Amino acid sequence: MFNVQKIAPQKAKKLVEKGGLLIDVRSPVLYRDGTLPNAINVSLRNVSTLFKHPKQTSFILFGETDDDEDVKAAGNYLVQFGYTNVFTLGSKDNWSK
């Protein structure tokens, strides 16, 4: 199991401003009902669609809770395939903290 680094909201926002991708791993229904600005919805089973991005891409993953298992699994999957800038915001509610 790999460790995906937890990121503070302010640092996450700076990475997004520099081209980092904000990834909502929640279900399409929850995504549709409200997500973060500029976030894209990529559920756990579709994480491989992110492999089209360069290895140096920054990914900031978030889910429903701080301990969201899908966030952990998606992050570990990305790290396993050679991505080194993979972070977790935890819950989407952390964005506004």
C-alpha atoms as a PDB file:
ATOM      1  CA  MET A   1       0.000   0.000   0.000  1.00  0.00           C
ATOM      2  CA  PHE A   2       1.319   3.408  -0.958  1.00  0.00           C
ATOM      3  CA  ASN A   3       0.927   6.583   1.058  1.00  0.00           C
ATOM      4  CA  VAL A   4      -0.836   9.426  -0.677  1.00  0.00           C
ATOM      5  CA  GLN A   5       0.031  12.697   0.994  1.00  0.00           C
ATOM      6  CA  LYS A   6      -2.712  14.755   2.632  1.00  0.00           C
ATOM      7  CA  ILE A   7      -2.679  18.328   1.352  1.00  0.00           C
ATOM      8  CA  ALA A   8      -3.865  21.543   2.987  1.00  0.00           C
ATOM      9  CA  PRO A   9      -6.632  23.396   1.125  1.00  0.00           C
ATOM     10  CA  GLN A  10      -4.480  26.467   0.436  1.00  0.00           C
ATOM     11  CA  LYS A  11      -1.697  24.364  -1.092  1.00  0.00           C
ATOM     12  CA  ALA A  12      -4.273  22.417  -3.117  1.00  0.00           C
ATOM     13  CA  LYS A  13      -5.691  25.652  -4.510  1.00  0.00           C
ATOM     14  CA  LYS A  14      -2.200  26.783  -5.550  1.00  0.00           C
ATOM     15  CA  LEU A  15      -1.581  23.480  -7.340  1.00  0.00           C
ATOM     16  CA  VAL A  16      -4.899  23.805  -9.184  1.00  0.00           C
ATOM     17  CA  GLU A  17      -3.962  27.361 -10.229  1.00  0.00           C
ATOM     18  CA  LYS A  18      -0.747  25.907 -11.685  1.00  0.00           C
ATOM     19  CA  GLY A  19      -2.610  23.277 -13.703  1.00  0.00           C
ATOM     20  CA  GLY A  20      -3.163  20.533 -11.138  1.00  0.00           C
ATOM     21  CA  LEU A  21      -6.314  18.467 -11.549  1.00  0.00           C
ATOM     22  CA  LEU A  22      -8.978  18.398  -8.861  1.00  0.00           C
ATOM     23  CA  ILE A  23     -10.529  14.921  -8.957  1.00  0.00           C
ATOM     24  CA  ASP A  24     -13.898  14.140  -7.354  1.00  0.00           C
ATOM     25  CA  VAL A  25     -13.993  10.359  -6.884  1.00  0.00           C
ATOM     26  CA  ARG A  26     -17.563  10.336  -5.575  1.00  0.00           C
ATOM     27  CA  SER A  27     -20.473   8.924  -7.542  1.00  0.00           C
ATOM     28  CA  PRO A  28     -21.783  10.827 -10.569  1.00  0.00           C
ATOM     29  CA  VAL A  29     -24.983  11.574  -8.618  1.00  0.00           C
ATOM     30  CA  LEU A  30     -23.106  13.231  -5.740  1.00  0.00           C
ATOM     31  CA  TYR A  31     -20.903  15.057  -8.239  1.00  0.00           C
ATOM     32  CA  ARG A  32     -23.963  16.390 -10.059  1.00  0.00           C
ATOM     33  CA  ASP A  33     -25.524  17.495  -6.779  1.00  0.00           C
ATOM     34  CA  GLY A  34     -22.518  19.672  -5.954  1.00  0.00           C
ATOM     35  CA  THR A  35     -18.771  19.568  -6.309  1.00  0.00           C
ATOM     36  CA  LEU A  36     -15.813  21.926  -6.112  1.00  0.00           C
ATOM     37  CA  PRO A  37     -15.009  24.561  -8.758  1.00  0.00           C
ATOM     38  CA  ASN A  38     -13.170  23.046 -11.743  1.00  0.00           C
ATOM     39  CA  ALA A  39     -13.333  19.509 -10.329  1.00  0.00           C
ATOM     40  CA  ILE A  40     -13.737  16.598 -12.693  1.00  0.00           C
ATOM     41  CA  ASN A  41     -15.588  13.434 -11.753  1.00  0.00           C
ATOM     42  CA  VAL A  42     -13.548  10.257 -12.054  1.00  0.00           C
ATOM     43  CA  SER A  43     -14.921   7.358 -10.062  1.00  0.00           C
ATOM     44  CA  LEU A  44     -12.579   4.694  -8.725  1.00  0.00           C
ATOM     45  CA  ARG A  45     -13.348   2.264 -11.536  1.00  0.00           C
ATOM     46  CA  ASN A  46     -12.450   4.915 -14.129  1.00  0.00           C
ATOM     47  CA  VAL A  47      -9.149   6.095 -12.619  1.00  0.00           C
ATOM     48  CA  SER A  48      -7.246   4.584 -15.545  1.00  0.00           C
ATOM     49  CA  THR A  49      -8.687   7.346 -17.757  1.00  0.00           C
ATOM     50  CA  LEU A  50      -6.265   9.693 -15.971  1.00  0.00           C
ATOM     51  CA  PHE A  51      -3.280   7.786 -17.386  1.00  0.00           C
ATOM     52  CA  LYS A  52      -3.436   9.982 -20.505  1.00  0.00           C
ATOM     53  CA  HIS A  53      -1.918  12.811 -18.435  1.00  0.00           C
ATOM     54  CA  PRO A  54       1.863  13.264 -18.097  1.00  0.00           C
ATOM     55  CA  LYS A  55       3.486  11.576 -15.086  1.00  0.00           C
ATOM     56  CA  GLN A  56       4.341  14.950 -13.530  1.00  0.00           C
ATOM     57  CA  THR A  57       0.658  16.023 -13.402  1.00  0.00           C
ATOM     58  CA  SER A  58      -0.541  16.983  -9.930  1.00  0.00           C
ATOM     59  CA  PHE A  59      -3.723  15.201  -8.864  1.00  0.00           C
ATOM     60  CA  ILE A  60      -5.712  16.393  -5.859  1.00  0.00           C
ATOM     61  CA  LEU A  61      -8.285  13.749  -4.976  1.00  0.00           C
ATOM     62  CA  PHE A  62     -11.292  14.210  -2.725  1.00  0.00           C
ATOM     63  CA  GLY A  63     -14.382  12.323  -1.666  1.00  0.00           C
ATOM     64  CA  GLU A  64     -17.279  12.414   0.749  1.00  0.00           C
ATOM     65  CA  THR A  65     -15.275  12.022   3.983  1.00  0.00           C
ATOM     66  CA  ASP A  66     -11.692  12.400   5.192  1.00  0.00           C
ATOM     67  CA  ASP A  67     -11.332   8.612   5.302  1.00  0.00           C
ATOM     68  CA  ASP A  68     -12.982   7.883   1.956  1.00  0.00           C
ATOM     69  CA  GLU A  69     -11.714   4.473   0.827  1.00  0.00           C
ATOM     70  CA  ASP A  70     -12.212   5.315  -2.854  1.00  0.00           C
ATOM     71  CA  VAL A  71      -9.901   8.319  -2.500  1.00  0.00           C
ATOM     72  CA  LYS A  72      -7.224   6.142  -0.904  1.00  0.00           C
ATOM     73  CA  ALA A  73      -7.588   3.424  -3.530  1.00  0.00           C
ATOM     74  CA  ALA A  74      -7.564   5.877  -6.450  1.00  0.00           C
ATOM     75  CA  GLY A  75      -4.486   7.620  -5.096  1.00  0.00           C
ATOM     76  CA  ASN A  76      -2.663   4.357  -4.551  1.00  0.00           C
ATOM     77  CA  TYR A  77      -3.553   3.244  -8.066  1.00  0.00           C
ATOM     78  CA  LEU A  78      -2.098   6.433  -9.568  1.00  0.00           C
ATOM     79  CA  VAL A  79       1.094   6.103  -7.497  1.00  0.00           C
ATOM     80  CA  GLN A  80       1.424   2.451  -8.506  1.00  0.00           C
ATOM     81  CA  PHE A  81       1.422   3.526 -12.153  1.00  0.00           C
ATOM     82  CA  GLY A  82       4.202   6.047 -11.680  1.00  0.00           C
ATOM     83  CA  TYR A  83       2.476   9.300 -10.776  1.00  0.00           C
ATOM     84  CA  THR A  84       4.411  11.128  -8.080  1.00  0.00           C
ATOM     85  CA  ASN A  85       2.307  14.240  -7.434  1.00  0.00           C
ATOM     86  CA  VAL A  86      -0.785  12.597  -5.974  1.00  0.00           C
ATOM     87  CA  PHE A  87      -2.472  14.235  -2.998  1.00  0.00           C
ATOM     88  CA  THR A  88      -5.669  13.868  -1.019  1.00  0.00           C
ATOM     89  CA  LEU A  89      -7.795  16.727   0.202  1.00  0.00           C
ATOM     90  CA  GLY A  90      -9.943  14.224   2.111  1.00  0.00           C
ATOM     91  CA  SER A  91     -13.517  15.457   2.237  1.00  0.00           C
ATOM     92  CA  LYS A  92     -14.734  18.017  -0.286  1.00  0.00           C
ATOM     93  CA  ASP A  93     -15.746  20.131   2.721  1.00  0.00           C
ATOM     94  CA  ASN A  94     -12.050  20.684   3.526  1.00  0.00           C
ATOM     95  CA  TRP A  95     -11.750  22.956   0.469  1.00  0.00           C
ATOM     96  CA  SER A  96     -13.417  25.838   2.299  1.00  0.00           C
ATOM     97  CA  LYS A  97     -11.394  25.493   5.530  1.00  0.00           C
END
